Amino acid sequence: MTTSVRRMPGWAKAVAALVLVLAVLFAGIRLAVLPGIKELFGTETHDRSGPALLKSVQDMSRYDAASGNFQVVVDLDKDAKFLPDAVRGTRTLYVGAGTVDAYVDLGQVGEKDVTVDEDRTSATLRLPHARLGRPALDPDHSYAVSKQRGLLDRLGDLFSDNPNSEQAVQKLAVRHIGDAAKSSGLTARAETNTTGMLQGLLRSLGFREVHITYRPAG
């Protein structure tokens, strides 16, 4: 006695695959909506990173004279051509917080930039102008407020894990924070603080007159 096995037609396989995709999609939605379900089937995070390796050592000669704290709201909208936002596209609202330091590089001060009179009671120093350091984003105070995604983007998130999903808004936040620092008067504040620090230091060493100037910009 023989048993015949009927193969599933091609159209039936396509329908079954579509049903499977929709089931996974709705399962993800239900996990995000129903309270407690997501925690029940959630994942645990373990840090198995190796030890940090020292790559290089650099001697620093700059005086960090001022630091500014900034916050910016980034609204990044990515659209797809010929497709509505409900199908393909993302819009992310991100709050970025970070700091920018202003410093004076004392390592650029040469012998010609320091003048001391014979009785060592008066000193004149010529310093380079203050500069801004690179903006540093604070991950503890930066966060995404909302993120809207089209249907195709949501399906892609189900089958892939993209660690750089917020990289674009983070770069924008850093750029906006850097632009804000340029117009904040932070470098002028750094030069004022550096002048006060050097005057107090040299007067404690016996100098009665201390003159601090800055090189012409150029």
N, C-alpha and C. Protein backbone atom coordinates (compact mmCIF):
# COMPACT_ATOMS: atom_id res chain seq x y z
N MET A 1 0.86 -1.20 0.00
CA MET A 1 0.00 0.00 0.00
C MET A 1 0.89 1.23 0.00
N THR A 2 0.68 2.13 -0.94
CA THR A 2 1.52 3.32 -1.05
C THR A 2 0.73 4.55 -0.66
N THR A 3 1.48 5.50 -0.10
CA THR A 3 0.84 6.76 0.34
C THR A 3 1.38 7.89 -0.51
N SER A 4 0.54 8.64 -1.11
CA SER A 4 0.94 9.76 -1.97
C SER A 4 0.94 11.05 -1.15
N VAL A 5 1.97 11.87 -1.39
CA VAL A 5 2.09 13.15 -0.69
C VAL A 5 1.83 14.27 -1.69
N ARG A 6 0.85 15.09 -1.37
CA ARG A 6 0.50 16.20 -2.25
C ARG A 6 1.34 17.42 -1.90
N ARG A 7 1.99 17.94 -2.92
CA ARG A 7 2.82 19.12 -2.71
C ARG A 7 1.97 20.39 -2.73
N MET A 8 2.41 21.34 -1.91
CA MET A 8 1.69 22.61 -1.83
C MET A 8 1.95 23.43 -3.08
N PRO A 9 0.89 23.95 -3.72
CA PRO A 9 1.09 24.77 -4.92
C PRO A 9 1.92 26.01 -4.62
N GLY A 10 2.47 26.62 -5.68
CA GLY A 10 3.31 27.80 -5.49
C GLY A 10 2.56 28.96 -4.88
N TRP A 11 1.30 29.17 -5.33
CA TRP A 11 0.54 30.30 -4.79
C TRP A 11 0.24 30.10 -3.31
N ALA A 12 0.09 28.84 -2.90
CA ALA A 12 -0.18 28.57 -1.49
C ALA A 12 1.07 28.87 -0.64
N LYS A 13 2.26 28.58 -1.18
CA LYS A 13 3.49 28.90 -0.45
C LYS A 13 3.65 30.41 -0.27
N ALA A 14 3.30 31.17 -1.31
CA ALA A 14 3.41 32.62 -1.22
C ALA A 14 2.45 33.16 -0.16
N VAL A 15 1.23 32.63 -0.14
CA VAL A 15 0.26 33.07 0.86
C VAL A 15 0.73 32.72 2.26
N ALA A 16 1.30 31.53 2.42
CA ALA A 16 1.78 31.11 3.73
C ALA A 16 2.92 32.01 4.21
N ALA A 17 3.81 32.38 3.28
CA ALA A 17 4.92 33.28 3.65
C ALA A 17 4.41 34.64 4.06
N LEU A 18 3.38 35.15 3.35
CA LEU A 18 2.81 36.45 3.70
C LEU A 18 2.14 36.41 5.07
N VAL A 19 1.44 35.32 5.33
CA VAL A 19 0.79 35.18 6.63
C VAL A 19 1.82 35.13 7.75
N LEU A 20 2.96 34.46 7.50
CA LEU A 20 4.01 34.39 8.50
C LEU A 20 4.59 35.76 8.80
N VAL A 21 4.83 36.57 7.75
CA VAL A 21 5.37 37.92 7.95
C VAL A 21 4.40 38.77 8.74
N LEU A 22 3.10 38.69 8.38
CA LEU A 22 2.10 39.48 9.10
C LEU A 22 1.98 39.04 10.55
N ALA A 23 2.12 37.73 10.78
CA ALA A 23 2.04 37.23 12.15
C ALA A 23 3.18 37.77 13.00
N VAL A 24 4.38 37.79 12.42
CA VAL A 24 5.52 38.34 13.14
C VAL A 24 5.34 39.83 13.41
N LEU A 25 4.80 40.54 12.40
CA LEU A 25 4.57 41.98 12.56
C LEU A 25 3.60 42.26 13.68
N PHE A 26 2.45 41.56 13.66
CA PHE A 26 1.44 41.80 14.69
C PHE A 26 1.91 41.32 16.06
N ALA A 27 2.74 40.28 16.07
CA ALA A 27 3.28 39.83 17.35
C ALA A 27 4.17 40.90 17.96
N GLY A 28 4.98 41.59 17.12
CA GLY A 28 5.81 42.68 17.61
C GLY A 28 4.99 43.83 18.14
N ILE A 29 3.88 44.12 17.44
CA ILE A 29 3.00 45.20 17.91
C ILE A 29 2.37 44.84 19.24
N ARG A 30 1.93 43.61 19.38
CA ARG A 30 1.28 43.18 20.62
C ARG A 30 2.27 43.20 21.78
N LEU A 31 3.52 42.82 21.51
CA LEU A 31 4.52 42.86 22.57
C LEU A 31 4.79 44.28 23.03
N ALA A 32 4.68 45.24 22.09
CA ALA A 32 4.94 46.63 22.45
C ALA A 32 3.74 47.27 23.14
N VAL A 33 2.54 46.72 22.91
CA VAL A 33 1.33 47.34 23.45
C VAL A 33 0.93 46.73 24.78
N LEU A 34 0.91 45.38 24.84
CA LEU A 34 0.43 44.71 26.05
C LEU A 34 1.44 44.88 27.18
N PRO A 35 1.01 45.41 28.34
CA PRO A 35 1.96 45.57 29.45
C PRO A 35 2.35 44.23 30.05
N GLY A 36 3.61 44.11 30.38
CA GLY A 36 4.12 42.91 31.01
C GLY A 36 4.57 41.84 30.05
N ILE A 37 4.00 41.78 28.83
CA ILE A 37 4.38 40.74 27.88
C ILE A 37 5.80 40.94 27.39
N LYS A 38 6.16 42.19 27.12
CA LYS A 38 7.50 42.47 26.59
C LYS A 38 8.57 42.11 27.62
N GLU A 39 8.30 42.38 28.91
CA GLU A 39 9.27 42.03 29.94
C GLU A 39 9.39 40.52 30.10
N LEU A 40 8.25 39.80 29.90
CA LEU A 40 8.26 38.36 30.07
C LEU A 40 9.17 37.69 29.04
N PHE A 41 9.12 38.16 27.80
CA PHE A 41 9.92 37.58 26.73
C PHE A 41 11.12 38.46 26.37
N GLY A 42 11.50 39.35 27.28
CA GLY A 42 12.61 40.25 27.00
C GLY A 42 13.95 39.54 27.07
N THR A 43 14.98 40.25 26.71
CA THR A 43 16.33 39.70 26.70
C THR A 43 17.14 40.31 27.82
N GLU A 44 18.15 39.58 28.27
CA GLU A 44 19.07 40.07 29.28
C GLU A 44 20.33 40.58 28.61
N THR A 45 20.90 41.63 29.20
CA THR A 45 22.09 42.25 28.65
C THR A 45 23.30 41.90 29.51
N HIS A 46 24.34 41.41 28.89
CA HIS A 46 25.58 41.06 29.59
C HIS A 46 26.74 41.78 28.91
N ASP A 47 27.56 42.43 29.70
CA ASP A 47 28.72 43.15 29.18
C ASP A 47 29.92 42.20 29.18
N ARG A 48 30.30 41.73 28.02
CA ARG A 48 31.44 40.84 27.87
C ARG A 48 32.59 41.53 27.13
N SER A 49 32.64 42.85 27.24
CA SER A 49 33.70 43.60 26.58
C SER A 49 35.05 43.28 27.19
N GLY A 50 36.07 43.34 26.36
CA GLY A 50 37.42 43.13 26.84
C GLY A 50 37.97 44.37 27.51
N PRO A 51 39.13 44.28 28.11
CA PRO A 51 39.73 45.44 28.78
C PRO A 51 40.14 46.51 27.78
N ALA A 52 40.09 47.77 28.23
CA ALA A 52 40.50 48.88 27.37
C ALA A 52 42.01 48.85 27.16
N LEU A 53 42.43 49.14 25.94
CA LEU A 53 43.84 49.13 25.58
C LEU A 53 44.35 50.56 25.43
N LEU A 54 45.49 50.85 26.02
CA LEU A 54 46.12 52.15 25.90
C LEU A 54 46.79 52.25 24.53
N LYS A 55 46.31 53.16 23.69
CA LYS A 55 46.84 53.30 22.34
C LYS A 55 47.98 54.33 22.26
N SER A 56 47.85 55.43 23.01
CA SER A 56 48.89 56.44 22.96
C SER A 56 48.76 57.37 24.17
N VAL A 57 49.83 58.10 24.46
CA VAL A 57 49.87 59.08 25.54
C VAL A 57 50.37 60.39 24.96
N GLN A 58 49.65 61.46 25.26
CA GLN A 58 50.04 62.78 24.77
C GLN A 58 50.15 63.74 25.95
N ASP A 59 51.20 64.54 25.96
CA ASP A 59 51.35 65.57 26.98
C ASP A 59 50.49 66.77 26.59
N MET A 60 49.71 67.24 27.56
CA MET A 60 48.80 68.35 27.31
C MET A 60 49.40 69.62 27.91
N SER A 61 49.36 70.70 27.15
CA SER A 61 49.87 71.98 27.64
C SER A 61 48.80 73.05 27.58
N ARG A 62 47.57 72.67 27.34
CA ARG A 62 46.52 73.66 27.23
C ARG A 62 45.84 73.86 28.58
N TYR A 63 45.35 75.07 28.76
CA TYR A 63 44.63 75.42 29.98
C TYR A 63 43.15 75.53 29.64
N ASP A 64 42.36 74.59 30.17
CA ASP A 64 40.91 74.62 29.95
C ASP A 64 40.33 75.69 30.86
N ALA A 65 39.95 76.80 30.25
CA ALA A 65 39.58 77.97 31.04
C ALA A 65 38.08 78.18 31.16
N ALA A 66 37.29 77.53 30.33
CA ALA A 66 35.84 77.70 30.40
C ALA A 66 35.17 76.50 29.76
N SER A 67 33.96 76.19 30.21
CA SER A 67 33.20 75.06 29.67
C SER A 67 31.74 75.47 29.59
N GLY A 68 31.13 75.16 28.46
CA GLY A 68 29.72 75.51 28.25
C GLY A 68 28.87 74.27 28.12
N ASN A 69 27.70 74.28 28.73
CA ASN A 69 26.73 73.19 28.61
C ASN A 69 25.62 73.62 27.66
N PHE A 70 25.32 72.77 26.69
CA PHE A 70 24.35 73.11 25.66
C PHE A 70 23.33 71.99 25.50
N GLN A 71 22.16 72.38 25.02
CA GLN A 71 21.10 71.41 24.72
C GLN A 71 20.41 71.84 23.42
N VAL A 72 20.16 70.88 22.56
CA VAL A 72 19.54 71.17 21.27
C VAL A 72 18.50 70.10 20.98
N VAL A 73 17.43 70.51 20.31
CA VAL A 73 16.38 69.59 19.88
C VAL A 73 16.53 69.39 18.37
N VAL A 74 16.79 68.15 17.97
CA VAL A 74 16.99 67.81 16.56
C VAL A 74 15.73 67.15 16.04
N ASP A 75 15.22 67.67 14.93
CA ASP A 75 14.04 67.11 14.26
C ASP A 75 14.47 66.67 12.87
N LEU A 76 14.74 65.38 12.72
CA LEU A 76 15.27 64.84 11.46
C LEU A 76 14.18 64.05 10.76
N ASP A 77 13.87 64.46 9.53
CA ASP A 77 12.82 63.82 8.74
C ASP A 77 13.43 63.27 7.46
N LYS A 78 13.29 61.96 7.25
CA LYS A 78 13.79 61.30 6.05
C LYS A 78 12.61 60.76 5.25
N ASP A 79 12.46 61.24 4.02
CA ASP A 79 11.37 60.82 3.16
C ASP A 79 11.90 59.97 2.02
N ALA A 80 11.05 59.10 1.52
CA ALA A 80 11.37 58.28 0.35
C ALA A 80 10.63 58.82 -0.86
N LYS A 81 11.32 58.84 -2.00
CA LYS A 81 10.69 59.34 -3.21
C LYS A 81 9.57 58.42 -3.67
N PHE A 82 8.48 59.03 -4.07
CA PHE A 82 7.33 58.33 -4.67
C PHE A 82 6.61 57.40 -3.69
N LEU A 83 6.93 57.50 -2.37
CA LEU A 83 6.24 56.68 -1.38
C LEU A 83 5.77 57.56 -0.23
N PRO A 84 4.56 57.32 0.26
CA PRO A 84 4.08 58.11 1.41
C PRO A 84 4.84 57.76 2.68
N ASP A 85 4.81 58.68 3.65
CA ASP A 85 5.55 58.46 4.89
C ASP A 85 5.03 57.25 5.66
N ALA A 86 3.75 56.91 5.48
CA ALA A 86 3.20 55.76 6.19
C ALA A 86 3.80 54.45 5.69
N VAL A 87 4.33 54.45 4.47
CA VAL A 87 4.92 53.24 3.90
C VAL A 87 6.44 53.23 4.10
N ARG A 88 7.10 54.31 3.76
CA ARG A 88 8.56 54.36 3.89
C ARG A 88 8.99 55.76 4.31
N GLY A 89 9.72 55.84 5.39
CA GLY A 89 10.18 57.13 5.88
C GLY A 89 10.30 57.12 7.40
N THR A 90 11.14 57.98 7.92
CA THR A 90 11.32 58.09 9.36
C THR A 90 11.38 59.56 9.76
N ARG A 91 10.93 59.82 10.96
CA ARG A 91 11.06 61.16 11.55
C ARG A 91 11.42 60.98 13.01
N THR A 92 12.56 61.55 13.41
CA THR A 92 13.08 61.37 14.76
C THR A 92 13.20 62.72 15.44
N LEU A 93 12.66 62.79 16.64
CA LEU A 93 12.79 63.98 17.49
C LEU A 93 13.75 63.62 18.62
N TYR A 94 14.89 64.30 18.65
CA TYR A 94 15.99 63.90 19.54
C TYR A 94 16.48 65.11 20.34
N VAL A 95 16.66 64.91 21.63
CA VAL A 95 17.20 65.94 22.51
C VAL A 95 18.66 65.62 22.78
N GLY A 96 19.55 66.49 22.34
CA GLY A 96 20.97 66.28 22.52
C GLY A 96 21.55 67.26 23.52
N ALA A 97 22.25 66.74 24.51
CA ALA A 97 22.92 67.57 25.51
C ALA A 97 24.41 67.30 25.44
N GLY A 98 25.20 68.34 25.55
CA GLY A 98 26.64 68.16 25.46
C GLY A 98 27.40 69.36 25.99
N THR A 99 28.70 69.23 26.03
CA THR A 99 29.58 70.28 26.55
C THR A 99 30.64 70.63 25.52
N VAL A 100 31.11 71.86 25.60
CA VAL A 100 32.22 72.34 24.76
C VAL A 100 33.17 73.10 25.67
N ASP A 101 34.44 72.75 25.62
CA ASP A 101 35.46 73.44 26.42
C ASP A 101 36.17 74.48 25.57
N ALA A 102 36.55 75.57 26.20
CA ALA A 102 37.38 76.60 25.57
C ALA A 102 38.72 76.63 26.29
N TYR A 103 39.81 76.64 25.54
CA TYR A 103 41.12 76.52 26.15
C TYR A 103 42.12 77.48 25.50
N VAL A 104 43.20 77.72 26.24
CA VAL A 104 44.34 78.50 25.73
C VAL A 104 45.54 77.56 25.72
N ASP A 105 46.17 77.43 24.57
CA ASP A 105 47.31 76.52 24.42
C ASP A 105 48.58 77.24 24.90
N LEU A 106 48.95 76.99 26.14
CA LEU A 106 50.14 77.63 26.71
C LEU A 106 51.42 77.04 26.13
N GLY A 107 51.32 75.90 25.46
CA GLY A 107 52.49 75.32 24.83
C GLY A 107 53.00 76.13 23.66
N GLN A 108 52.18 77.05 23.14
CA GLN A 108 52.59 77.89 22.02
C GLN A 108 53.27 79.18 22.48
N VAL A 109 53.43 79.36 23.78
CA VAL A 109 54.09 80.56 24.30
C VAL A 109 55.60 80.34 24.26
N GLY A 110 56.30 81.16 23.50
CA GLY A 110 57.75 81.05 23.38
C GLY A 110 58.48 82.10 24.20
N GLU A 111 59.81 82.07 24.11
CA GLU A 111 60.62 83.02 24.87
C GLU A 111 60.33 84.46 24.46
N LYS A 112 60.06 84.69 23.19
CA LYS A 112 59.79 86.05 22.73
C LYS A 112 58.45 86.57 23.23
N ASP A 113 57.61 85.67 23.72
CA ASP A 113 56.29 86.09 24.19
C ASP A 113 56.28 86.45 25.67
N VAL A 114 57.42 86.32 26.34
CA VAL A 114 57.50 86.63 27.77
C VAL A 114 58.57 87.70 27.98
N THR A 115 58.19 88.79 28.61
CA THR A 115 59.12 89.89 28.89
C THR A 115 59.09 90.19 30.38
N VAL A 116 60.29 90.21 31.01
CA VAL A 116 60.41 90.48 32.44
C VAL A 116 61.45 91.60 32.62
N ASP A 117 61.13 92.60 33.46
CA ASP A 117 62.07 93.69 33.66
C ASP A 117 63.23 93.22 34.54
N GLU A 118 64.25 94.08 34.69
CA GLU A 118 65.47 93.68 35.36
C GLU A 118 65.27 93.36 36.84
N ASP A 119 64.44 94.14 37.51
CA ASP A 119 64.25 93.87 38.94
C ASP A 119 63.14 92.86 39.20
N ARG A 120 62.61 92.23 38.15
CA ARG A 120 61.62 91.17 38.26
C ARG A 120 60.38 91.60 39.07
N THR A 121 59.91 92.79 38.74
CA THR A 121 58.68 93.26 39.38
C THR A 121 57.55 93.44 38.36
N SER A 122 57.89 93.39 37.06
CA SER A 122 56.90 93.57 36.01
C SER A 122 57.09 92.49 34.95
N ALA A 123 55.98 91.92 34.51
CA ALA A 123 56.03 90.86 33.49
C ALA A 123 54.94 91.09 32.47
N THR A 124 55.28 90.79 31.22
CA THR A 124 54.32 90.91 30.13
C THR A 124 54.31 89.59 29.36
N LEU A 125 53.12 89.05 29.15
CA LEU A 125 52.97 87.78 28.44
C LEU A 125 52.05 87.98 27.25
N ARG A 126 52.43 87.40 26.13
CA ARG A 126 51.59 87.42 24.94
C ARG A 126 51.16 85.99 24.63
N LEU A 127 49.86 85.77 24.63
CA LEU A 127 49.30 84.42 24.52
C LEU A 127 48.53 84.25 23.20
N PRO A 128 48.39 83.02 22.76
CA PRO A 128 47.50 82.77 21.62
C PRO A 128 46.04 82.89 22.06
N HIS A 129 45.19 83.19 21.12
CA HIS A 129 43.77 83.32 21.46
C HIS A 129 43.19 81.97 21.86
N ALA A 130 42.15 82.03 22.65
CA ALA A 130 41.47 80.82 23.09
C ALA A 130 40.79 80.14 21.91
N ARG A 131 40.69 78.83 22.01
CA ARG A 131 40.05 78.03 20.97
C ARG A 131 39.01 77.11 21.60
N LEU A 132 38.14 76.63 20.75
CA LEU A 132 37.09 75.71 21.21
C LEU A 132 37.52 74.27 20.98
N GLY A 133 37.23 73.42 21.96
CA GLY A 133 37.46 72.00 21.80
C GLY A 133 36.31 71.35 21.05
N ARG A 134 36.40 70.07 20.85
CA ARG A 134 35.34 69.34 20.15
C ARG A 134 34.13 69.16 21.06
N PRO A 135 32.95 69.32 20.52
CA PRO A 135 31.75 69.09 21.34
C PRO A 135 31.69 67.63 21.79
N ALA A 136 31.31 67.43 23.04
CA ALA A 136 31.18 66.08 23.61
C ALA A 136 29.72 65.85 23.98
N LEU A 137 29.08 64.88 23.32
CA LEU A 137 27.69 64.57 23.58
C LEU A 137 27.57 63.78 24.88
N ASP A 138 26.63 64.17 25.71
CA ASP A 138 26.41 63.50 27.00
C ASP A 138 25.34 62.43 26.82
N PRO A 139 25.72 61.14 26.81
CA PRO A 139 24.72 60.09 26.57
C PRO A 139 23.71 59.95 27.69
N ASP A 140 24.06 60.37 28.91
CA ASP A 140 23.14 60.24 30.04
C ASP A 140 22.01 61.25 29.99
N HIS A 141 22.19 62.34 29.26
CA HIS A 141 21.17 63.37 29.19
C HIS A 141 20.69 63.61 27.76
N SER A 142 21.03 62.72 26.84
CA SER A 142 20.56 62.80 25.45
C SER A 142 19.63 61.62 25.19
N TYR A 143 18.52 61.89 24.52
CA TYR A 143 17.54 60.83 24.33
C TYR A 143 16.63 61.17 23.16
N ALA A 144 16.01 60.12 22.62
CA ALA A 144 15.04 60.29 21.55
C ALA A 144 13.66 60.48 22.15
N VAL A 145 13.01 61.59 21.80
CA VAL A 145 11.67 61.86 22.31
C VAL A 145 10.64 61.01 21.58
N SER A 146 10.74 60.95 20.28
CA SER A 146 9.82 60.15 19.49
C SER A 146 10.50 59.74 18.19
N LYS A 147 10.00 58.63 17.63
CA LYS A 147 10.53 58.15 16.37
C LYS A 147 9.39 57.52 15.58
N GLN A 148 9.05 58.15 14.48
CA GLN A 148 7.99 57.65 13.62
C GLN A 148 8.61 56.94 12.43
N ARG A 149 8.08 55.74 12.13
CA ARG A 149 8.63 54.93 11.04
C ARG A 149 7.52 54.40 10.16
N GLY A 150 7.80 54.31 8.88
CA GLY A 150 6.84 53.73 7.94
C GLY A 150 6.77 52.22 8.09
N LEU A 151 5.81 51.63 7.39
CA LEU A 151 5.58 50.19 7.49
C LEU A 151 6.81 49.40 7.08
N LEU A 152 7.44 49.78 5.98
CA LEU A 152 8.62 49.04 5.52
C LEU A 152 9.78 49.18 6.49
N ASP A 153 9.91 50.33 7.13
CA ASP A 153 10.97 50.52 8.10
C ASP A 153 10.74 49.68 9.35
N ARG A 154 9.47 49.55 9.74
CA ARG A 154 9.15 48.71 10.89
C ARG A 154 9.44 47.24 10.60
N LEU A 155 9.11 46.81 9.39
CA LEU A 155 9.41 45.43 9.01
C LEU A 155 10.91 45.17 9.01
N GLY A 156 11.67 46.15 8.55
CA GLY A 156 13.12 46.00 8.54
C GLY A 156 13.70 45.91 9.94
N ASP A 157 13.09 46.64 10.89
CA ASP A 157 13.59 46.59 12.26
C ASP A 157 13.33 45.24 12.91
N LEU A 158 12.32 44.52 12.45
CA LEU A 158 12.04 43.21 13.02
C LEU A 158 13.11 42.18 12.69
N PHE A 159 13.76 42.33 11.54
CA PHE A 159 14.71 41.33 11.07
C PHE A 159 16.15 41.82 11.10
N SER A 160 16.38 43.00 11.62
CA SER A 160 17.75 43.50 11.70
C SER A 160 17.90 44.33 12.95
N ASP A 161 19.14 44.40 13.42
CA ASP A 161 19.48 45.19 14.59
C ASP A 161 20.52 46.22 14.17
N ASN A 162 20.09 47.46 14.04
CA ASN A 162 20.95 48.50 13.52
C ASN A 162 21.46 49.36 14.68
N PRO A 163 22.71 49.19 15.10
CA PRO A 163 23.21 49.98 16.22
C PRO A 163 23.42 51.44 15.88
N ASN A 164 23.40 51.79 14.59
CA ASN A 164 23.63 53.18 14.18
C ASN A 164 22.33 53.89 13.83
N SER A 165 21.21 53.42 14.37
CA SER A 165 19.92 53.99 14.01
C SER A 165 19.81 55.45 14.45
N GLU A 166 20.51 55.85 15.50
CA GLU A 166 20.45 57.22 15.99
C GLU A 166 21.73 57.99 15.67
N GLN A 167 22.60 57.41 14.85
CA GLN A 167 23.87 58.06 14.55
C GLN A 167 23.67 59.38 13.81
N ALA A 168 22.70 59.42 12.91
CA ALA A 168 22.47 60.64 12.13
C ALA A 168 22.04 61.80 13.02
N VAL A 169 21.09 61.56 13.93
CA VAL A 169 20.62 62.65 14.79
C VAL A 169 21.70 63.03 15.80
N GLN A 170 22.52 62.08 16.21
CA GLN A 170 23.60 62.40 17.13
C GLN A 170 24.64 63.30 16.47
N LYS A 171 24.97 63.01 15.21
CA LYS A 171 25.91 63.87 14.48
C LYS A 171 25.34 65.28 14.30
N LEU A 172 24.05 65.36 14.01
CA LEU A 172 23.43 66.67 13.88
C LEU A 172 23.45 67.43 15.20
N ALA A 173 23.20 66.72 16.29
CA ALA A 173 23.22 67.36 17.60
C ALA A 173 24.60 67.91 17.92
N VAL A 174 25.65 67.13 17.62
CA VAL A 174 27.01 67.59 17.87
C VAL A 174 27.33 68.81 17.02
N ARG A 175 26.89 68.81 15.76
CA ARG A 175 27.16 69.95 14.88
C ARG A 175 26.45 71.21 15.36
N HIS A 176 25.19 71.07 15.78
CA HIS A 176 24.44 72.24 16.27
C HIS A 176 25.03 72.76 17.58
N ILE A 177 25.49 71.85 18.44
CA ILE A 177 26.10 72.29 19.69
C ILE A 177 27.40 73.04 19.41
N GLY A 178 28.18 72.55 18.45
CA GLY A 178 29.41 73.25 18.07
C GLY A 178 29.13 74.63 17.51
N ASP A 179 28.08 74.75 16.68
CA ASP A 179 27.72 76.06 16.13
C ASP A 179 27.27 77.02 17.22
N ALA A 180 26.52 76.48 18.20
CA ALA A 180 26.06 77.34 19.29
C ALA A 180 27.23 77.83 20.14
N ALA A 181 28.24 76.98 20.31
CA ALA A 181 29.39 77.37 21.11
C ALA A 181 30.17 78.51 20.46
N LYS A 182 30.20 78.53 19.12
CA LYS A 182 30.95 79.58 18.41
C LYS A 182 30.37 80.97 18.65
N SER A 183 29.06 81.04 18.86
CA SER A 183 28.41 82.34 19.05
C SER A 183 28.04 82.60 20.51
N SER A 184 28.59 81.82 21.42
CA SER A 184 28.21 81.95 22.83
C SER A 184 29.14 82.85 23.63
N GLY A 185 30.24 83.29 23.04
CA GLY A 185 31.21 84.08 23.78
C GLY A 185 32.07 83.24 24.72
N LEU A 186 32.15 81.95 24.46
CA LEU A 186 32.89 81.06 25.35
C LEU A 186 34.39 81.32 25.29
N THR A 187 34.92 81.62 24.11
CA THR A 187 36.36 81.88 24.00
C THR A 187 36.75 83.18 24.73
N ALA A 188 35.89 84.19 24.66
CA ALA A 188 36.18 85.43 25.38
C ALA A 188 36.20 85.18 26.88
N ARG A 189 35.28 84.35 27.34
CA ARG A 189 35.26 84.01 28.77
C ARG A 189 36.53 83.24 29.15
N ALA A 190 36.99 82.37 28.27
CA ALA A 190 38.20 81.60 28.54
C ALA A 190 39.43 82.51 28.63
N GLU A 191 39.51 83.51 27.78
CA GLU A 191 40.65 84.42 27.83
C GLU A 191 40.62 85.27 29.10
N THR A 192 39.43 85.67 29.52
CA THR A 192 39.32 86.43 30.77
C THR A 192 39.77 85.58 31.96
N ASN A 193 39.35 84.33 31.97
CA ASN A 193 39.74 83.44 33.07
C ASN A 193 41.23 83.13 33.05
N THR A 194 41.79 82.96 31.85
CA THR A 194 43.23 82.69 31.74
C THR A 194 44.04 83.89 32.21
N THR A 195 43.60 85.08 31.84
CA THR A 195 44.29 86.30 32.30
C THR A 195 44.28 86.39 33.82
N GLY A 196 43.13 86.15 34.42
CA GLY A 196 43.05 86.21 35.88
C GLY A 196 43.91 85.15 36.55
N MET A 197 43.95 83.95 35.98
CA MET A 197 44.76 82.88 36.57
C MET A 197 46.24 83.23 36.53
N LEU A 198 46.74 83.71 35.38
CA LEU A 198 48.17 84.02 35.26
C LEU A 198 48.55 85.24 36.09
N GLN A 199 47.68 86.23 36.16
CA GLN A 199 47.98 87.40 37.00
C GLN A 199 48.09 87.00 38.46
N GLY A 200 47.16 86.16 38.93
CA GLY A 200 47.24 85.72 40.31
C GLY A 200 48.47 84.87 40.58
N LEU A 201 48.86 84.02 39.61
CA LEU A 201 50.02 83.17 39.78
C LEU A 201 51.30 83.98 39.85
N LEU A 202 51.46 84.91 38.90
CA LEU A 202 52.70 85.69 38.85
C LEU A 202 52.80 86.67 40.02
N ARG A 203 51.69 87.22 40.46
CA ARG A 203 51.73 88.12 41.62
C ARG A 203 52.09 87.36 42.89
N SER A 204 51.68 86.11 42.96
CA SER A 204 52.08 85.31 44.12
C SER A 204 53.57 85.00 44.11
N LEU A 205 54.20 85.12 42.94
CA LEU A 205 55.65 84.91 42.82
C LEU A 205 56.44 86.20 43.01
N GLY A 206 55.78 87.32 43.30
CA GLY A 206 56.47 88.56 43.61
C GLY A 206 56.35 89.64 42.55
N PHE A 207 55.70 89.38 41.43
CA PHE A 207 55.53 90.40 40.40
C PHE A 207 54.39 91.34 40.80
N ARG A 208 54.70 92.65 40.77
CA ARG A 208 53.68 93.64 41.14
C ARG A 208 52.82 94.05 39.96
N GLU A 209 53.39 94.01 38.76
CA GLU A 209 52.66 94.38 37.55
C GLU A 209 52.69 93.19 36.57
N VAL A 210 51.53 92.78 36.15
CA VAL A 210 51.42 91.66 35.20
C VAL A 210 50.50 92.09 34.07
N HIS A 211 51.02 92.07 32.86
CA HIS A 211 50.26 92.46 31.68
C HIS A 211 50.09 91.23 30.77
N ILE A 212 48.86 90.93 30.44
CA ILE A 212 48.55 89.79 29.58
C ILE A 212 47.91 90.32 28.30
N THR A 213 48.51 89.99 27.16
CA THR A 213 47.95 90.37 25.87
C THR A 213 47.78 89.10 25.03
N TYR A 214 47.01 89.23 23.96
CA TYR A 214 46.77 88.11 23.07
C TYR A 214 47.17 88.48 21.66
N ARG A 215 47.70 87.53 20.95
CA ARG A 215 48.21 87.76 19.60
C ARG A 215 47.08 88.18 18.67
N PRO A 216 47.41 88.98 17.66
CA PRO A 216 46.38 89.32 16.67
C PRO A 216 45.87 88.09 15.98
N ALA A 217 44.59 88.05 15.72
CA ALA A 217 44.01 86.90 15.02
C ALA A 217 44.53 86.86 13.60
N GLY A 218 44.82 85.65 13.14
CA GLY A 218 45.33 85.53 11.79
C GLY A 218 45.75 84.12 11.47
